[in-house]
Amino acid sequence: MTAEQYSAYIGRLRPLPTLARSYVFGNRIPLPKTDELGRVPVAKPACNGRSAPAARPAGGAGVRSAEILAFGDSLTAGLGLRPTAAFPRRLEADLHARGLAVTVVNGGVSGDTTAGGLARLDKSLATRPGLVIVELGTNDALRGIDPAKVRADLQRIIERIRAGGAHLLLAGTLAPANWGTAYQQAFDAIYPQLARRYAVPLYPFFLAGVAQRPALNQRDGLHPNGRGVAAIVERIGPIVARLIGASQPR
C-alpha cells in the first residue's frame, strides 16, 4: 500500500462520528495538548525516584500486576523509532508521570496479523501481565484477509487473555477503501461487536488524531514519528491509567 493510497484511506475517517469519542467508560478521547507551533510535547516521567500507590477503582477492579503487555504490530513495536520513542516506552513514561509504578512490555512484531498474534500469544502471556493492550488487525485489513477470520482470531485472543485473569484494552482499526464497501462494513464492525460481546473496553482507532498528519508521521506516511506516538499516548494514557486503577490528576 502506497502513501497515496493510505492517505485516501485515512481521508474517509473524518466523517465517522464514532472516532470522535471513546467507547471506554463513555468518555471522549482527549485531544493532545500542543504548543504555539502546533507541536505535541513529549511528556517526561516523574524523576523523584518514587511512585505513589495507585488507588483502586470502585468495586476493587484494579489490575493484579504492575506489568502491562502492549501486544500488537509495527505500530506497537515502534518501527523506524528508537526503543525509547516507541509506544510501550512512551506509555510507561506517561504512567510513571502519573505516579504509577508499572512496566510496559513491548510485545509488538512488525508485519504481524491477528493470526500471527494468536500464534505467539501464550508465550507473551507467560509473565502474567495484569493488563494487555491488543493492537492488531491493521495488516489483516491491508491484505484483505477475510473479516470472519480476523474476528475469530481476535475472539480467541480475547478469550485466552481473560482466561489467564488479565484485564484487556482492545485497540481498533479500520479497513481501507480499496476492498469495497462490503468488506469495510464487515471489518469495521469487528471491534465494537467484540467489545460488546465480551464487555471489554474499546479504543476505537489506535491512530486517531495522528493518521494523515505529516508532522506526526515518518516519511513513509504510515508510521507515527516520536511526536505522533506522544499524541497517541496523550489520548490513551488516561484510559490505561484508569484501567489499572489509578486516580486521575485533577
Protein backbone atom coordinates (compact mmCIF):
# COMPACT_ATOMS: atom_id res chain seq x y z
CA MET A 1 0.00 0.00 0.00
CA THR A 2 1.47 3.35 -1.04
CA ALA A 3 1.41 6.53 1.00
CA GLU A 4 -1.08 7.98 -1.51
CA GLN A 5 -3.43 5.01 -1.11
CA TYR A 6 -3.10 5.25 2.66
CA SER A 7 -3.93 8.98 2.61
CA ALA A 8 -7.06 8.25 0.59
CA TYR A 9 -7.99 5.53 3.05
CA ILE A 10 -7.47 7.73 6.08
CA GLY A 11 -9.46 10.53 4.44
CA ARG A 12 -12.64 8.57 4.90
CA LEU A 13 -12.21 8.59 8.68
CA ARG A 14 -13.17 12.22 9.10
CA PRO A 15 -16.96 11.86 8.80
CA LEU A 16 -17.17 8.89 11.16
CA PRO A 17 -18.65 10.21 14.44
CA THR A 18 -17.59 7.13 16.42
CA LEU A 19 -13.98 8.20 16.10
CA ALA A 20 -14.65 11.44 17.98
CA ARG A 21 -15.31 9.62 21.22
CA SER A 22 -14.05 6.61 23.11
CA TYR A 23 -16.14 3.57 23.87
CA VAL A 24 -14.18 3.35 27.10
CA PHE A 25 -16.27 4.49 30.08
CA GLY A 26 -18.36 6.67 27.74
CA ASN A 27 -15.71 9.41 27.80
CA ARG A 28 -14.44 11.44 24.86
CA ILE A 29 -10.88 10.70 23.75
CA PRO A 30 -8.87 13.71 24.96
CA LEU A 31 -7.17 15.83 22.32
CA PRO A 32 -3.41 16.20 22.66
CA LYS A 33 -2.03 19.46 24.01
CA THR A 34 0.11 21.42 21.58
CA ASP A 35 2.48 24.36 21.81
CA GLU A 36 2.12 27.63 19.87
CA LEU A 37 3.55 25.93 16.77
CA GLY A 38 1.06 23.09 16.91
CA ARG A 39 3.65 20.57 18.08
CA VAL A 40 2.80 17.83 20.56
CA PRO A 41 5.19 17.98 23.53
CA VAL A 42 6.73 14.74 24.72
CA ALA A 43 5.91 14.09 28.38
CA LYS A 44 8.71 13.07 30.72
CA PRO A 45 8.33 10.62 33.60
CA ALA A 46 8.43 11.76 37.18
CA CYS A 47 12.01 11.76 38.42
CA ASN A 48 11.60 11.79 42.18
CA GLY A 49 12.54 8.11 42.34
CA ARG A 50 9.26 7.12 44.00
CA SER A 51 5.83 6.25 42.68
CA ALA A 52 2.66 6.81 44.62
CA PRO A 53 0.49 3.72 45.06
CA ALA A 54 -2.40 3.55 42.63
CA ALA A 55 -5.87 3.90 44.10
CA ARG A 56 -8.18 1.03 43.21
CA PRO A 57 -11.44 1.90 41.46
CA ALA A 58 -14.84 1.28 43.00
CA GLY A 59 -15.61 -2.41 43.15
CA GLY A 60 -11.97 -3.42 43.60
CA ALA A 61 -11.44 -3.99 39.85
CA GLY A 62 -7.82 -2.90 39.82
CA VAL A 63 -5.28 -4.76 37.73
CA ARG A 64 -3.49 -7.55 39.60
CA SER A 65 0.03 -6.89 38.30
CA ALA A 66 2.29 -3.93 37.65
CA GLU A 67 3.15 -5.30 34.20
CA ILE A 68 1.31 -4.16 31.10
CA LEU A 69 1.76 -6.04 27.82
CA ALA A 70 1.43 -3.90 24.68
CA PHE A 71 0.60 -6.64 22.17
CA GLY A 72 0.48 -5.60 18.53
CA ASP A 73 2.18 -5.00 15.21
CA SER A 74 4.63 -2.33 13.95
CA LEU A 75 2.55 0.46 15.48
CA THR A 76 3.27 -1.05 18.89
CA ALA A 77 6.77 -2.30 18.09
CA GLY A 78 7.90 1.18 17.05
CA LEU A 79 9.10 0.51 13.52
CA GLY A 80 11.53 3.25 12.47
CA LEU A 81 11.90 4.61 16.01
CA ARG A 82 14.42 4.22 18.81
CA PRO A 83 13.14 1.85 21.52
CA THR A 84 12.77 4.81 23.90
CA ALA A 85 10.44 6.55 21.43
CA ALA A 86 8.21 3.55 20.75
CA PHE A 87 4.67 3.34 22.11
CA PRO A 88 5.38 0.98 25.05
CA ARG A 89 8.18 3.11 26.48
CA ARG A 90 6.28 6.38 25.96
CA LEU A 91 3.19 4.89 27.63
CA GLU A 92 5.33 3.70 30.52
CA ALA A 93 6.76 7.20 30.91
CA ASP A 94 3.26 8.68 30.90
CA LEU A 95 2.11 6.28 33.61
CA HIS A 96 5.22 6.97 35.69
CA ALA A 97 4.41 10.68 35.45
CA ARG A 98 1.01 9.83 36.93
CA GLY A 99 2.75 8.21 39.89
CA LEU A 100 2.18 4.62 38.79
CA ALA A 101 4.96 2.08 39.27
CA VAL A 102 4.29 -0.05 36.19
CA THR A 103 6.32 -1.68 33.44
CA VAL A 104 5.06 -1.71 29.85
CA VAL A 105 6.44 -4.65 27.86
CA ASN A 106 6.87 -4.22 24.11
CA GLY A 107 5.02 -7.18 22.61
CA GLY A 108 4.85 -5.71 19.11
CA VAL A 109 6.02 -7.56 15.99
CA SER A 110 6.20 -5.59 12.75
CA GLY A 111 4.03 -7.04 10.00
CA ASP A 112 2.07 -9.21 12.40
CA THR A 113 -1.54 -10.17 11.70
CA THR A 114 -4.17 -11.37 14.14
CA ALA A 115 -3.23 -14.95 13.24
CA GLY A 116 0.42 -14.24 13.99
CA GLY A 117 -0.51 -12.64 17.28
CA LEU A 118 -2.65 -15.61 18.25
CA ALA A 119 0.21 -17.99 17.47
CA ARG A 120 2.61 -16.22 19.84
CA LEU A 121 0.14 -15.13 22.49
CA ASP A 122 0.73 -17.89 25.04
CA LYS A 123 4.46 -17.19 25.10
CA SER A 124 3.80 -13.46 25.53
CA LEU A 125 1.44 -14.14 28.44
CA ALA A 126 3.97 -16.30 30.28
CA THR A 127 4.95 -13.39 32.55
CA ARG A 128 1.28 -13.00 33.58
CA PRO A 129 0.72 -9.30 32.86
CA GLY A 130 -2.09 -7.56 34.66
CA LEU A 131 -3.29 -5.68 31.58
CA VAL A 132 -2.92 -6.46 27.88
CA ILE A 133 -3.42 -3.78 25.22
CA VAL A 134 -4.34 -5.60 21.99
CA GLU A 135 -3.45 -3.60 18.87
CA LEU A 136 -3.79 -5.99 15.91
CA GLY A 137 -5.70 -6.09 12.63
CA THR A 138 -4.18 -3.32 10.53
CA ASN A 139 -2.08 -5.74 8.47
CA ASP A 140 -5.09 -8.04 8.06
CA ALA A 141 -7.10 -5.14 6.63
CA LEU A 142 -4.31 -4.06 4.30
CA ARG A 143 -4.03 -7.62 2.96
CA GLY A 144 -7.78 -8.08 2.58
CA ILE A 145 -7.94 -11.05 4.95
CA ASP A 146 -11.46 -12.38 5.46
CA PRO A 147 -13.12 -10.38 8.29
CA ALA A 148 -14.58 -13.62 9.64
CA LYS A 149 -11.05 -14.98 10.09
CA VAL A 150 -9.90 -11.76 11.76
CA ARG A 151 -12.90 -11.83 14.09
CA ALA A 152 -12.23 -15.45 15.02
CA ASP A 153 -8.56 -14.76 15.74
CA LEU A 154 -9.35 -11.72 17.90
CA GLN A 155 -12.07 -13.63 19.70
CA ARG A 156 -9.61 -16.38 20.64
CA ILE A 157 -7.03 -13.78 21.70
CA ILE A 158 -9.59 -12.11 23.99
CA GLU A 159 -10.70 -15.42 25.44
CA ARG A 160 -7.14 -16.56 26.18
CA ILE A 161 -6.22 -13.27 27.83
CA ARG A 162 -9.32 -13.32 30.00
CA ALA A 163 -8.85 -17.00 30.87
CA GLY A 164 -5.45 -16.06 32.27
CA GLY A 165 -7.03 -13.44 34.52
CA ALA A 166 -5.62 -10.33 32.85
CA HIS A 167 -7.56 -7.19 32.06
CA LEU A 168 -7.73 -6.14 28.43
CA LEU A 169 -7.99 -3.00 26.32
CA LEU A 170 -8.91 -3.59 22.68
CA ALA A 171 -7.46 -1.03 20.25
CA GLY A 172 -9.36 -0.96 16.98
CA THR A 173 -8.55 -0.15 13.39
CA LEU A 174 -10.49 0.33 10.14
CA ALA A 175 -10.40 -1.27 6.70
CA PRO A 176 -9.07 0.55 3.62
CA ALA A 177 -11.47 1.55 0.88
CA ASN A 178 -9.85 -0.49 -1.89
CA TRP A 179 -11.52 -3.74 -0.78
CA GLY A 180 -15.01 -2.33 -1.29
CA THR A 181 -17.90 -1.22 0.89
CA ALA A 182 -18.99 -4.71 1.93
CA TYR A 183 -15.50 -5.54 3.21
CA GLN A 184 -15.24 -2.22 5.02
CA GLN A 185 -18.54 -2.67 6.79
CA ALA A 186 -17.77 -6.24 7.82
CA PHE A 187 -14.27 -5.41 9.03
CA ASP A 188 -15.07 -2.15 10.81
CA ALA A 189 -17.81 -3.87 12.80
CA ILE A 190 -15.43 -6.43 14.31
CA TYR A 191 -14.02 -4.36 17.16
CA PRO A 192 -17.19 -2.77 18.59
CA GLN A 193 -19.03 -6.08 18.30
CA LEU A 194 -16.31 -7.99 20.16
CA ALA A 195 -16.07 -5.25 22.78
CA ARG A 196 -19.80 -5.52 23.44
CA ARG A 197 -19.84 -9.31 23.40
CA TYR A 198 -17.01 -9.69 25.89
CA ALA A 199 -17.66 -6.46 27.81
CA VAL A 200 -14.10 -5.24 27.26
CA PRO A 201 -13.14 -1.58 26.83
CA LEU A 202 -12.51 -0.45 23.27
CA TYR A 203 -10.26 2.33 22.00
CA PRO A 204 -11.89 2.71 18.56
CA PHE A 205 -8.92 3.75 16.39
CA PHE A 206 -5.33 3.49 17.57
CA LEU A 207 -4.11 6.20 15.15
CA ALA A 208 -6.89 8.69 15.93
CA GLY A 209 -5.58 12.24 15.61
CA VAL A 210 -2.29 11.06 14.08
CA ALA A 211 -3.15 9.44 10.75
CA GLN A 212 -2.80 11.73 7.73
CA ARG A 213 -0.93 14.38 9.72
CA PRO A 214 2.54 14.66 8.13
CA ALA A 215 4.06 16.37 11.16
CA LEU A 216 3.16 13.34 13.30
CA ASN A 217 4.30 10.63 10.91
CA GLN A 218 7.52 9.28 9.48
CA ARG A 219 8.44 9.80 5.84
CA ASP A 220 6.54 6.68 4.77
CA GLY A 221 3.33 8.40 5.85
CA LEU A 222 2.28 5.18 7.54
CA HIS A 223 4.00 5.02 10.92
CA PRO A 224 3.94 7.64 13.69
CA ASN A 225 7.12 9.52 14.50
CA GLY A 226 8.09 10.41 18.06
CA ARG A 227 5.55 13.22 18.29
CA GLY A 228 2.89 11.02 16.74
CA VAL A 229 3.48 8.40 19.41
CA ALA A 230 3.29 11.13 22.06
CA ALA A 231 -0.10 12.18 20.65
CA ILE A 232 -1.36 8.60 20.82
CA VAL A 233 -0.14 8.24 24.39
CA GLU A 234 -1.75 11.51 25.46
CA ARG A 235 -5.10 10.16 24.33
CA ILE A 236 -4.81 6.58 25.52
CA GLY A 237 -2.76 7.18 28.66
CA PRO A 238 -5.66 8.34 30.87
CA ILE A 239 -7.69 5.32 29.76
CA VAL A 240 -4.90 2.89 30.61
CA ALA A 241 -4.35 4.64 33.93
CA ARG A 242 -8.00 4.21 34.83
CA LEU A 243 -7.94 0.56 33.82
CA ILE A 244 -5.07 -0.16 36.16
CA GLY A 245 -6.88 1.55 39.00
CA ALA A 246 -5.25 4.97 39.00
CA SER A 247 -6.71 8.16 40.40
CA GLN A 248 -6.67 10.69 37.61
CA PRO A 249 -5.00 14.04 38.30
CA ARG A 250 -7.45 16.88 38.77
